[in-house]
Every structure is written in C-alpha cells, then in structure tokens.
Amino acid sequence: MFLLENGLLGEPTNGAVGAAETALGIVGNPTILLAAILLIGFTLIIIFLIKRIIVNSILGIIAWAIVYFIFNIELPLIPSIIVSVIFGLAGIGAMLLLKFFGLF
C-alpha cells in the first residue's frame, strides 16, 4: 500500500527509460540484422554437420541396449556406454570383438 499512497507505482524508473532507449536504438540497425543472419546461418551449418554424429550416437546407444539387455552380453557398463556414444555402432562392434577375444 505504501507504493500506491505515495504515487510511486506506474511511474517509469530510470532503468526502464534506459532500457526503452536502448531498445529503440537497436531497431533498424543493419549491424544487428547482419549479426542475426550470420548467427542463424552458422547454427544451421553446425546442425547440418552434427546431425550425422548425433544419429550415430543414438544408434550406438540403441545397439548397446540390445547387446546388453536382449543378448545378455556382459560388457562393462560405463566404458561401453561411453564408447557407444562416441563411436556409435563401430564402437559397439569393437567392444564385442574385444569381448570375443577375451581382452575385455
């Protein structure tokens, strides 16, 4: 109630006025537009390049789950998960070869 009685509510503060002036300074600024377009383009390129890595990691985790839970092949938990995430299906294949030859 103190703010309402003294008339402080509804009056703009210095911070709000400064933020509004900054926002108006950004509007129509071609540098901001160029930076936004470059960041969006960079993000799309990164997603396009990393998409294959993400798919490989997901396939590796699925293959690990199939090997571990369905075929009941006892692989060390943490190392096999890390290898399957980093190397995907090839990592699981290498882990199975190591298990077959008794090295793991």
PDB file of N, CA and C in Angstrom:
ATOM      1  N   MET A   1       0.810  -1.192   0.000  1.00  0.00           N
ATOM      2  CA  MET A   1       0.000   0.000   0.000  1.00  0.00           C
ATOM      3  C   MET A   1       0.850   1.250   0.000  1.00  0.00           C
ATOM      4  N   PHE A   2       2.054   1.168   0.517  1.00  0.00           N
ATOM      5  CA  PHE A   2       2.917   2.347   0.596  1.00  0.00           C
ATOM      6  C   PHE A   2       3.189   2.915  -0.791  1.00  0.00           C
ATOM      7  N   LEU A   3       3.395   2.014  -1.769  1.00  0.00           N
ATOM      8  CA  LEU A   3       3.697   2.476  -3.119  1.00  0.00           C
ATOM      9  C   LEU A   3       2.490   3.170  -3.752  1.00  0.00           C
ATOM     10  N   LEU A   4       1.310   2.652  -3.475  1.00  0.00           N
ATOM     11  CA  LEU A   4       0.110   3.254  -4.051  1.00  0.00           C
ATOM     12  C   LEU A   4      -0.178   4.625  -3.441  1.00  0.00           C
ATOM     13  N   GLU A   5       0.020   4.762  -2.137  1.00  0.00           N
ATOM     14  CA  GLU A   5      -0.288   6.019  -1.461  1.00  0.00           C
ATOM     15  C   GLU A   5       0.637   7.142  -1.893  1.00  0.00           C
ATOM     16  N   ASN A   6       1.900   6.847  -2.117  1.00  0.00           N
ATOM     17  CA  ASN A   6       2.857   7.879  -2.478  1.00  0.00           C
ATOM     18  C   ASN A   6       2.945   8.113  -3.981  1.00  0.00           C
ATOM     19  N   GLY A   7       2.183   7.372  -4.761  1.00  0.00           N
ATOM     20  CA  GLY A   7       2.157   7.590  -6.194  1.00  0.00           C
ATOM     21  C   GLY A   7       3.385   7.072  -6.920  1.00  0.00           C
ATOM     22  N   LEU A   8       4.079   6.081  -6.339  1.00  0.00           N
ATOM     23  CA  LEU A   8       5.294   5.567  -6.969  1.00  0.00           C
ATOM     24  C   LEU A   8       5.004   4.478  -7.996  1.00  0.00           C
ATOM     25  N   LEU A   9       3.865   3.847  -7.889  1.00  0.00           N
ATOM     26  CA  LEU A   9       3.536   2.803  -8.841  1.00  0.00           C
ATOM     27  C   LEU A   9       3.092   3.424 -10.162  1.00  0.00           C
ATOM     28  N   GLY A  10       3.553   2.925 -11.253  1.00  0.00           N
ATOM     29  CA  GLY A  10       3.142   3.425 -12.552  1.00  0.00           C
ATOM     30  C   GLY A  10       4.078   4.471 -13.129  1.00  0.00           C
ATOM     31  N   GLU A  11       4.976   4.997 -12.321  1.00  0.00           N
ATOM     32  CA  GLU A  11       5.926   5.980 -12.838  1.00  0.00           C
ATOM     33  C   GLU A  11       7.149   5.242 -13.384  1.00  0.00           C
ATOM     34  N   PRO A  12       7.642   5.632 -14.550  1.00  0.00           N
ATOM     35  CA  PRO A  12       8.815   4.949 -15.104  1.00  0.00           C
ATOM     36  C   PRO A  12      10.056   5.242 -14.276  1.00  0.00           C
ATOM     37  N   THR A  13      10.857   4.244 -14.077  1.00  0.00           N
ATOM     38  CA  THR A  13      12.121   4.425 -13.364  1.00  0.00           C
ATOM     39  C   THR A  13      13.217   4.721 -14.374  1.00  0.00           C
ATOM     40  N   ASN A  14      14.364   5.101 -13.878  1.00  0.00           N
ATOM     41  CA  ASN A  14      15.495   5.394 -14.769  1.00  0.00           C
ATOM     42  C   ASN A  14      15.930   4.152 -15.538  1.00  0.00           C
ATOM     43  N   GLY A  15      15.850   2.992 -14.896  1.00  0.00           N
ATOM     44  CA  GLY A  15      16.216   1.744 -15.572  1.00  0.00           C
ATOM     45  C   GLY A  15      15.292   1.422 -16.720  1.00  0.00           C
ATOM     46  N   ALA A  16      13.994   1.650 -16.527  1.00  0.00           N
ATOM     47  CA  ALA A  16      13.019   1.356 -17.581  1.00  0.00           C
ATOM     48  C   ALA A  16      13.182   2.318 -18.748  1.00  0.00           C
ATOM     49  N   VAL A  17      13.441   3.563 -18.448  1.00  0.00           N
ATOM     50  CA  VAL A  17      13.635   4.555 -19.508  1.00  0.00           C
ATOM     51  C   VAL A  17      14.898   4.229 -20.298  1.00  0.00           C
ATOM     52  N   GLY A  18      15.954   3.839 -19.594  1.00  0.00           N
ATOM     53  CA  GLY A  18      17.208   3.477 -20.270  1.00  0.00           C
ATOM     54  C   GLY A  18      17.044   2.252 -21.145  1.00  0.00           C
ATOM     55  N   ALA A  19      16.281   1.262 -20.671  1.00  0.00           N
ATOM     56  CA  ALA A  19      16.051   0.056 -21.463  1.00  0.00           C
ATOM     57  C   ALA A  19      15.239   0.368 -22.710  1.00  0.00           C
ATOM     58  N   ALA A  20      14.254   1.244 -22.585  1.00  0.00           N
ATOM     59  CA  ALA A  20      13.438   1.620 -23.736  1.00  0.00           C
ATOM     60  C   ALA A  20      14.273   2.360 -24.771  1.00  0.00           C
ATOM     61  N   GLU A  21      15.153   3.238 -24.312  1.00  0.00           N
ATOM     62  CA  GLU A  21      16.011   3.968 -25.255  1.00  0.00           C
ATOM     63  C   GLU A  21      16.976   3.024 -25.958  1.00  0.00           C
ATOM     64  N   THR A  22      17.495   2.044 -25.233  1.00  0.00           N
ATOM     65  CA  THR A  22      18.396   1.061 -25.839  1.00  0.00           C
ATOM     66  C   THR A  22      17.656   0.224 -26.868  1.00  0.00           C
ATOM     67  N   ALA A  23      16.439  -0.190 -26.536  1.00  0.00           N
ATOM     68  CA  ALA A  23      15.647  -0.992 -27.471  1.00  0.00           C
ATOM     69  C   ALA A  23      15.345  -0.207 -28.736  1.00  0.00           C
ATOM     70  N   LEU A  24      15.035   1.072 -28.596  1.00  0.00           N
ATOM     71  CA  LEU A  24      14.757   1.882 -29.777  1.00  0.00           C
ATOM     72  C   LEU A  24      16.013   2.115 -30.597  1.00  0.00           C
ATOM     73  N   GLY A  25      17.178   2.111 -29.957  1.00  0.00           N
ATOM     74  CA  GLY A  25      18.427   2.267 -30.687  1.00  0.00           C
ATOM     75  C   GLY A  25      18.778   1.044 -31.519  1.00  0.00           C
ATOM     76  N   ILE A  26      18.272  -0.105 -31.129  1.00  0.00           N
ATOM     77  CA  ILE A  26      18.543  -1.347 -31.860  1.00  0.00           C
ATOM     78  C   ILE A  26      17.657  -1.462 -33.091  1.00  0.00           C
ATOM     79  N   VAL A  27      16.452  -0.950 -33.024  1.00  0.00           N
ATOM     80  CA  VAL A  27      15.500  -1.058 -34.121  1.00  0.00           C
ATOM     81  C   VAL A  27      16.058  -0.356 -35.358  1.00  0.00           C
ATOM     82  N   GLY A  28      16.076  -1.075 -36.462  1.00  0.00           N
ATOM     83  CA  GLY A  28      16.534  -0.501 -37.715  1.00  0.00           C
ATOM     84  C   GLY A  28      18.046  -0.479 -37.876  1.00  0.00           C
ATOM     85  N   ASN A  29      18.777  -1.076 -36.957  1.00  0.00           N
ATOM     86  CA  ASN A  29      20.241  -1.101 -37.024  1.00  0.00           C
ATOM     87  C   ASN A  29      20.670  -2.250 -37.940  1.00  0.00           C
ATOM     88  N   PRO A  30      21.315  -1.953 -39.077  1.00  0.00           N
ATOM     89  CA  PRO A  30      21.684  -3.017 -40.012  1.00  0.00           C
ATOM     90  C   PRO A  30      22.766  -3.951 -39.462  1.00  0.00           C
ATOM     91  N   THR A  31      23.554  -3.493 -38.519  1.00  0.00           N
ATOM     92  CA  THR A  31      24.584  -4.352 -37.930  1.00  0.00           C
ATOM     93  C   THR A  31      23.936  -5.491 -37.154  1.00  0.00           C
ATOM     94  N   ILE A  32      22.882  -5.176 -36.430  1.00  0.00           N
ATOM     95  CA  ILE A  32      22.159  -6.202 -35.675  1.00  0.00           C
ATOM     96  C   ILE A  32      21.528  -7.209 -36.636  1.00  0.00           C
ATOM     97  N   LEU A  33      20.964  -6.731 -37.726  1.00  0.00           N
ATOM     98  CA  LEU A  33      20.355  -7.613 -38.724  1.00  0.00           C
ATOM     99  C   LEU A  33      21.393  -8.544 -39.328  1.00  0.00           C
ATOM    100  N   LEU A  34      22.550  -8.011 -39.680  1.00  0.00           N
ATOM    101  CA  LEU A  34      23.614  -8.824 -40.254  1.00  0.00           C
ATOM    102  C   LEU A  34      24.112  -9.859 -39.250  1.00  0.00           C
ATOM    103  N   ALA A  35      24.284  -9.458 -38.008  1.00  0.00           N
ATOM    104  CA  ALA A  35      24.729 -10.401 -36.978  1.00  0.00           C
ATOM    105  C   ALA A  35      23.708 -11.513 -36.783  1.00  0.00           C
ATOM    106  N   ALA A  36      22.431 -11.184 -36.786  1.00  0.00           N
ATOM    107  CA  ALA A  36      21.381 -12.186 -36.620  1.00  0.00           C
ATOM    108  C   ALA A  36      21.385 -13.178 -37.780  1.00  0.00           C
ATOM    109  N   ILE A  37      21.518 -12.689 -38.988  1.00  0.00           N
ATOM    110  CA  ILE A  37      21.540 -13.571 -40.162  1.00  0.00           C
ATOM    111  C   ILE A  37      22.760 -14.480 -40.127  1.00  0.00           C
ATOM    112  N   LEU A  38      23.916 -13.940 -39.741  1.00  0.00           N
ATOM    113  CA  LEU A  38      25.132 -14.756 -39.646  1.00  0.00           C
ATOM    114  C   LEU A  38      25.005 -15.833 -38.567  1.00  0.00           C
ATOM    115  N   LEU A  39      24.435 -15.479 -37.422  1.00  0.00           N
ATOM    116  CA  LEU A  39      24.266 -16.465 -36.352  1.00  0.00           C
ATOM    117  C   LEU A  39      23.289 -17.573 -36.747  1.00  0.00           C
ATOM    118  N   ILE A  40      22.216 -17.217 -37.422  1.00  0.00           N
ATOM    119  CA  ILE A  40      21.263 -18.223 -37.880  1.00  0.00           C
ATOM    120  C   ILE A  40      21.915 -19.139 -38.914  1.00  0.00           C
ATOM    121  N   GLY A  41      22.654 -18.577 -39.847  1.00  0.00           N
ATOM    122  CA  GLY A  41      23.352 -19.381 -40.848  1.00  0.00           C
ATOM    123  C   GLY A  41      24.383 -20.304 -40.226  1.00  0.00           C
ATOM    124  N   PHE A  42      25.149 -19.788 -39.280  1.00  0.00           N
ATOM    125  CA  PHE A  42      26.160 -20.588 -38.580  1.00  0.00           C
ATOM    126  C   PHE A  42      25.506 -21.743 -37.835  1.00  0.00           C
ATOM    127  N   THR A  43      24.395 -21.481 -37.183  1.00  0.00           N
ATOM    128  CA  THR A  43      23.681 -22.520 -36.443  1.00  0.00           C
ATOM    129  C   THR A  43      23.167 -23.599 -37.382  1.00  0.00           C
ATOM    130  N   LEU A  44      22.613 -23.214 -38.524  1.00  0.00           N
ATOM    131  CA  LEU A  44      22.111 -24.205 -39.478  1.00  0.00           C
ATOM    132  C   LEU A  44      23.236 -25.075 -40.033  1.00  0.00           C
ATOM    133  N   ILE A  45      24.383 -24.474 -40.304  1.00  0.00           N
ATOM    134  CA  ILE A  45      25.530 -25.246 -40.796  1.00  0.00           C
ATOM    135  C   ILE A  45      26.002 -26.232 -39.738  1.00  0.00           C
ATOM    136  N   ILE A  46      26.099 -25.786 -38.492  1.00  0.00           N
ATOM    137  CA  ILE A  46      26.542 -26.657 -37.407  1.00  0.00           C
ATOM    138  C   ILE A  46      25.562 -27.818 -37.220  1.00  0.00           C
ATOM    139  N   ILE A  47      24.272 -27.532 -37.238  1.00  0.00           N
ATOM    140  CA  ILE A  47      23.272 -28.595 -37.071  1.00  0.00           C
ATOM    141  C   ILE A  47      23.351 -29.582 -38.229  1.00  0.00           C
ATOM    142  N   PHE A  48      23.559 -29.087 -39.447  1.00  0.00           N
ATOM    143  CA  PHE A  48      23.669 -29.971 -40.609  1.00  0.00           C
ATOM    144  C   PHE A  48      24.874 -30.902 -40.481  1.00  0.00           C
ATOM    145  N   LEU A  49      25.998 -30.370 -40.001  1.00  0.00           N
ATOM    146  CA  LEU A  49      27.205 -31.183 -39.873  1.00  0.00           C
ATOM    147  C   LEU A  49      27.140 -32.136 -38.689  1.00  0.00           C
ATOM    148  N   ILE A  50      26.519 -31.741 -37.615  1.00  0.00           N
ATOM    149  CA  ILE A  50      26.487 -32.563 -36.410  1.00  0.00           C
ATOM    150  C   ILE A  50      25.357 -33.591 -36.451  1.00  0.00           C
ATOM    151  N   LYS A  51      24.420 -33.442 -37.364  1.00  0.00           N
ATOM    152  CA  LYS A  51      23.286 -34.349 -37.433  1.00  0.00           C
ATOM    153  C   LYS A  51      23.738 -35.800 -37.587  1.00  0.00           C
ATOM    154  N   ARG A  52      24.730 -36.040 -38.402  1.00  0.00           N
ATOM    155  CA  ARG A  52      25.227 -37.405 -38.611  1.00  0.00           C
ATOM    156  C   ARG A  52      25.853 -37.956 -37.336  1.00  0.00           C
ATOM    157  N   ILE A  53      26.562 -37.103 -36.610  1.00  0.00           N
ATOM    158  CA  ILE A  53      27.192 -37.540 -35.361  1.00  0.00           C
ATOM    159  C   ILE A  53      26.131 -37.898 -34.335  1.00  0.00           C
ATOM    160  N   ILE A  54      25.074 -37.101 -34.264  1.00  0.00           N
ATOM    161  CA  ILE A  54      24.001 -37.359 -33.307  1.00  0.00           C
ATOM    162  C   ILE A  54      23.292 -38.668 -33.647  1.00  0.00           C
ATOM    163  N   VAL A  55      23.018 -38.891 -34.920  1.00  0.00           N
ATOM    164  CA  VAL A  55      22.359 -40.135 -35.336  1.00  0.00           C
ATOM    165  C   VAL A  55      23.246 -41.332 -35.016  1.00  0.00           C
ATOM    166  N   ASN A  56      24.550 -41.221 -35.258  1.00  0.00           N
ATOM    167  CA  ASN A  56      25.473 -42.312 -34.964  1.00  0.00           C
ATOM    168  C   ASN A  56      25.496 -42.608 -33.464  1.00  0.00           C
ATOM    169  N   SER A  57      25.474 -41.581 -32.639  1.00  0.00           N
ATOM    170  CA  SER A  57      25.473 -41.784 -31.189  1.00  0.00           C
ATOM    171  C   SER A  57      24.186 -42.459 -30.725  1.00  0.00           C
ATOM    172  N   ILE A  58      23.059 -42.040 -31.268  1.00  0.00           N
ATOM    173  CA  ILE A  58      21.782 -42.653 -30.888  1.00  0.00           C
ATOM    174  C   ILE A  58      21.743 -44.117 -31.311  1.00  0.00           C
ATOM    175  N   LEU A  59      22.224 -44.406 -32.520  1.00  0.00           N
ATOM    176  CA  LEU A  59      22.273 -45.804 -32.965  1.00  0.00           C
ATOM    177  C   LEU A  59      23.206 -46.634 -32.084  1.00  0.00           C
ATOM    178  N   GLY A  60      24.296 -46.040 -31.644  1.00  0.00           N
ATOM    179  CA  GLY A  60      25.222 -46.736 -30.741  1.00  0.00           C
ATOM    180  C   GLY A  60      24.577 -47.073 -29.416  1.00  0.00           C
ATOM    181  N   ILE A  61      23.808 -46.132 -28.861  1.00  0.00           N
ATOM    182  CA  ILE A  61      23.121 -46.390 -27.592  1.00  0.00           C
ATOM    183  C   ILE A  61      22.065 -47.482 -27.769  1.00  0.00           C
ATOM    184  N   ILE A  62      21.338 -47.441 -28.885  1.00  0.00           N
ATOM    185  CA  ILE A  62      20.330 -48.475 -29.137  1.00  0.00           C
ATOM    186  C   ILE A  62      20.998 -49.846 -29.278  1.00  0.00           C
ATOM    187  N   ALA A  63      22.114 -49.897 -30.015  1.00  0.00           N
ATOM    188  CA  ALA A  63      22.832 -51.163 -30.176  1.00  0.00           C
ATOM    189  C   ALA A  63      23.378 -51.652 -28.833  1.00  0.00           C
ATOM    190  N   TRP A  64      23.873 -50.738 -28.005  1.00  0.00           N
ATOM    191  CA  TRP A  64      24.364 -51.116 -26.683  1.00  0.00           C
ATOM    192  C   TRP A  64      23.235 -51.725 -25.856  1.00  0.00           C
ATOM    193  N   ALA A  65      22.059 -51.104 -25.885  1.00  0.00           N
ATOM    194  CA  ALA A  65      20.928 -51.605 -25.113  1.00  0.00           C
ATOM    195  C   ALA A  65      20.511 -52.996 -25.604  1.00  0.00           C
ATOM    196  N   ILE A  66      20.525 -53.199 -26.912  1.00  0.00           N
ATOM    197  CA  ILE A  66      20.164 -54.510 -27.462  1.00  0.00           C
ATOM    198  C   ILE A  66      21.179 -55.560 -27.030  1.00  0.00           C
ATOM    199  N   VAL A  67      22.460 -55.246 -27.145  1.00  0.00           N
ATOM    200  CA  VAL A  67      23.514 -56.190 -26.762  1.00  0.00           C
ATOM    201  C   VAL A  67      23.449 -56.485 -25.266  1.00  0.00           C
ATOM    202  N   TYR A  68      23.253 -55.460 -24.460  1.00  0.00           N
ATOM    203  CA  TYR A  68      23.315 -55.610 -23.007  1.00  0.00           C
ATOM    204  C   TYR A  68      22.056 -56.255 -22.433  1.00  0.00           C
ATOM    205  N   PHE A  69      20.880 -55.834 -22.879  1.00  0.00           N
ATOM    206  CA  PHE A  69      19.642 -56.305 -22.265  1.00  0.00           C
ATOM    207  C   PHE A  69      19.007 -57.493 -22.985  1.00  0.00           C
ATOM    208  N   ILE A  70      19.079 -57.546 -24.296  1.00  0.00           N
ATOM    209  CA  ILE A  70      18.410 -58.631 -25.026  1.00  0.00           C
ATOM    210  C   ILE A  70      19.328 -59.848 -25.159  1.00  0.00           C
ATOM    211  N   PHE A  71      20.596 -59.622 -25.576  1.00  0.00           N
ATOM    212  CA  PHE A  71      21.517 -60.742 -25.752  1.00  0.00           C
ATOM    213  C   PHE A  71      22.271 -61.084 -24.470  1.00  0.00           C
ATOM    214  N   ASN A  72      22.109 -60.280 -23.433  1.00  0.00           N
ATOM    215  CA  ASN A  72      22.736 -60.504 -22.119  1.00  0.00           C
ATOM    216  C   ASN A  72      24.246 -60.689 -22.199  1.00  0.00           C
ATOM    217  N   ILE A  73      24.880 -59.918 -23.040  1.00  0.00           N
ATOM    218  CA  ILE A  73      26.344 -59.921 -23.110  1.00  0.00           C
ATOM    219  C   ILE A  73      26.838 -58.909 -22.097  1.00  0.00           C
ATOM    220  N   GLU A  74      27.590 -59.386 -21.129  1.00  0.00           N
ATOM    221  CA  GLU A  74      28.047 -58.527 -20.035  1.00  0.00           C
ATOM    222  C   GLU A  74      29.250 -57.700 -20.461  1.00  0.00           C
ATOM    223  N   LEU A  75      29.002 -56.472 -20.813  1.00  0.00           N
ATOM    224  CA  LEU A  75      30.061 -55.510 -21.098  1.00  0.00           C
ATOM    225  C   LEU A  75      30.180 -54.581 -19.898  1.00  0.00           C
ATOM    226  N   PRO A  76      31.376 -54.063 -19.617  1.00  0.00           N
ATOM    227  CA  PRO A  76      31.493 -53.099 -18.522  1.00  0.00           C
ATOM    228  C   PRO A  76      30.588 -51.898 -18.796  1.00  0.00           C
ATOM    229  N   LEU A  77      29.822 -51.508 -17.806  1.00  0.00           N
ATOM    230  CA  LEU A  77      28.741 -50.557 -18.011  1.00  0.00           C
ATOM    231  C   LEU A  77      29.230 -49.199 -18.516  1.00  0.00           C
ATOM    232  N   ILE A  78      29.998 -48.493 -17.724  1.00  0.00           N
ATOM    233  CA  ILE A  78      30.388 -47.121 -18.057  1.00  0.00           C
ATOM    234  C   ILE A  78      31.285 -47.058 -19.296  1.00  0.00           C
ATOM    235  N   PRO A  79      32.346 -47.872 -19.399  1.00  0.00           N
ATOM    236  CA  PRO A  79      33.178 -47.788 -20.615  1.00  0.00           C
ATOM    237  C   PRO A  79      32.415 -48.121 -21.901  1.00  0.00           C
ATOM    238  N   SER A  80      31.530 -49.102 -21.823  1.00  0.00           N
ATOM    239  CA  SER A  80      30.802 -49.475 -23.039  1.00  0.00           C
ATOM    240  C   SER A  80      29.801 -48.394 -23.453  1.00  0.00           C
ATOM    241  N   ILE A  81      29.181 -47.734 -22.491  1.00  0.00           N
ATOM    242  CA  ILE A  81      28.267 -46.640 -22.832  1.00  0.00           C
ATOM    243  C   ILE A  81      29.036 -45.478 -23.448  1.00  0.00           C
ATOM    244  N   ILE A  82      30.171 -45.140 -22.862  1.00  0.00           N
ATOM    245  CA  ILE A  82      30.978 -44.027 -23.394  1.00  0.00           C
ATOM    246  C   ILE A  82      31.449 -44.335 -24.810  1.00  0.00           C
ATOM    247  N   VAL A  83      31.926 -45.552 -25.029  1.00  0.00           N
ATOM    248  CA  VAL A  83      32.396 -45.934 -26.371  1.00  0.00           C
ATOM    249  C   VAL A  83      31.243 -45.927 -27.365  1.00  0.00           C
ATOM    250  N   SER A  84      30.071 -46.387 -26.950  1.00  0.00           N
ATOM    251  CA  SER A  84      28.938 -46.418 -27.879  1.00  0.00           C
ATOM    252  C   SER A  84      28.449 -45.020 -28.221  1.00  0.00           C
ATOM    253  N   VAL A  85      28.526 -44.084 -27.271  1.00  0.00           N
ATOM    254  CA  VAL A  85      28.112 -42.711 -27.561  1.00  0.00           C
ATOM    255  C   VAL A  85      29.119 -42.025 -28.472  1.00  0.00           C
ATOM    256  N   ILE A  86      30.393 -42.230 -28.227  1.00  0.00           N
ATOM    257  CA  ILE A  86      31.415 -41.531 -29.018  1.00  0.00           C
ATOM    258  C   ILE A  86      31.572 -42.149 -30.403  1.00  0.00           C
ATOM    259  N   PHE A  87      31.644 -43.478 -30.475  1.00  0.00           N
ATOM    260  CA  PHE A  87      31.950 -44.133 -31.747  1.00  0.00           C
ATOM    261  C   PHE A  87      30.750 -44.809 -32.406  1.00  0.00           C
ATOM    262  N   GLY A  88      29.623 -44.850 -31.738  1.00  0.00           N
ATOM    263  CA  GLY A  88      28.418 -45.401 -32.336  1.00  0.00           C
ATOM    264  C   GLY A  88      28.481 -46.901 -32.544  1.00  0.00           C
ATOM    265  N   LEU A  89      27.979 -47.344 -33.688  1.00  0.00           N
ATOM    266  CA  LEU A  89      27.928 -48.774 -33.985  1.00  0.00           C
ATOM    267  C   LEU A  89      29.314 -49.391 -34.098  1.00  0.00           C
ATOM    268  N   ALA A  90      30.269 -48.646 -34.616  1.00  0.00           N
ATOM    269  CA  ALA A  90      31.636 -49.169 -34.721  1.00  0.00           C
ATOM    270  C   ALA A  90      32.227 -49.416 -33.339  1.00  0.00           C
ATOM    271  N   GLY A  91      31.913 -48.561 -32.395  1.00  0.00           N
ATOM    272  CA  GLY A  91      32.397 -48.752 -31.029  1.00  0.00           C
ATOM    273  C   GLY A  91      31.828 -49.998 -30.386  1.00  0.00           C
ATOM    274  N   ILE A  92      30.550 -50.246 -30.602  1.00  0.00           N
ATOM    275  CA  ILE A  92      29.937 -51.465 -30.062  1.00  0.00           C
ATOM    276  C   ILE A  92      30.534 -52.694 -30.735  1.00  0.00           C
ATOM    277  N   GLY A  93      30.775 -52.590 -32.034  1.00  0.00           N
ATOM    278  CA  GLY A  93      31.424 -53.705 -32.736  1.00  0.00           C
ATOM    279  C   GLY A  93      32.804 -53.988 -32.179  1.00  0.00           C
ATOM    280  N   ALA A  94      33.573 -52.957 -31.905  1.00  0.00           N
ATOM    281  CA  ALA A  94      34.913 -53.139 -31.330  1.00  0.00           C
ATOM    282  C   ALA A  94      34.823 -53.735 -29.926  1.00  0.00           C
ATOM    283  N   MET A  95      33.842 -53.297 -29.141  1.00  0.00           N
ATOM    284  CA  MET A  95      33.668 -53.855 -27.800  1.00  0.00           C
ATOM    285  C   MET A  95      33.312 -55.341 -27.869  1.00  0.00           C
ATOM    286  N   LEU A  96      32.472 -55.703 -28.824  1.00  0.00           N
ATOM    287  CA  LEU A  96      32.109 -57.115 -28.970  1.00  0.00           C
ATOM    288  C   LEU A  96      33.310 -57.963 -29.415  1.00  0.00           C
ATOM    289  N   LEU A  97      34.135 -57.409 -30.301  1.00  0.00           N
ATOM    290  CA  LEU A  97      35.355 -58.125 -30.702  1.00  0.00           C
ATOM    291  C   LEU A  97      36.299 -58.310 -29.509  1.00  0.00           C
ATOM    292  N   LEU A  98      36.464 -57.264 -28.726  1.00  0.00           N
ATOM    293  CA  LEU A  98      37.306 -57.379 -27.540  1.00  0.00           C
ATOM    294  C   LEU A  98      36.752 -58.417 -26.565  1.00  0.00           C
ATOM    295  N   LYS A  99      35.447 -58.453 -26.400  1.00  0.00           N
ATOM    296  CA  LYS A  99      34.820 -59.447 -25.525  1.00  0.00           C
ATOM    297  C   LYS A  99      35.005 -60.849 -26.091  1.00  0.00           C
ATOM    298  N   PHE A 100      34.880 -61.001 -27.416  1.00  0.00           N
ATOM    299  CA  PHE A 100      35.035 -62.314 -28.055  1.00  0.00           C
ATOM    300  C   PHE A 100      36.433 -62.868 -27.859  1.00  0.00           C
ATOM    301  N   PHE A 101      37.439 -62.011 -27.990  1.00  0.00           N
ATOM    302  CA  PHE A 101      38.824 -62.456 -27.849  1.00  0.00           C
ATOM    303  C   PHE A 101      39.289 -62.471 -26.398  1.00  0.00           C
ATOM    304  N   GLY A 102      38.418 -62.131 -25.471  1.00  0.00           N
ATOM    305  CA  GLY A 102      38.742 -62.227 -24.055  1.00  0.00           C
ATOM    306  C   GLY A 102      39.616 -61.087 -23.549  1.00  0.00           C
ATOM    307  N   LEU A 103      39.679 -60.000 -24.281  1.00  0.00           N
ATOM    308  CA  LEU A 103      40.509 -58.871 -23.854  1.00  0.00           C
ATOM    309  C   LEU A 103      39.731 -57.865 -23.022  1.00  0.00           C
ATOM    310  N   PHE A 104      38.432 -58.060 -22.943  1.00  0.00           N
ATOM    311  CA  PHE A 104      37.609 -57.076 -22.233  1.00  0.00           C
ATOM    312  C   PHE A 104      36.661 -57.779 -21.312  1.00  0.00           C
TER     313      PHE A 104
END
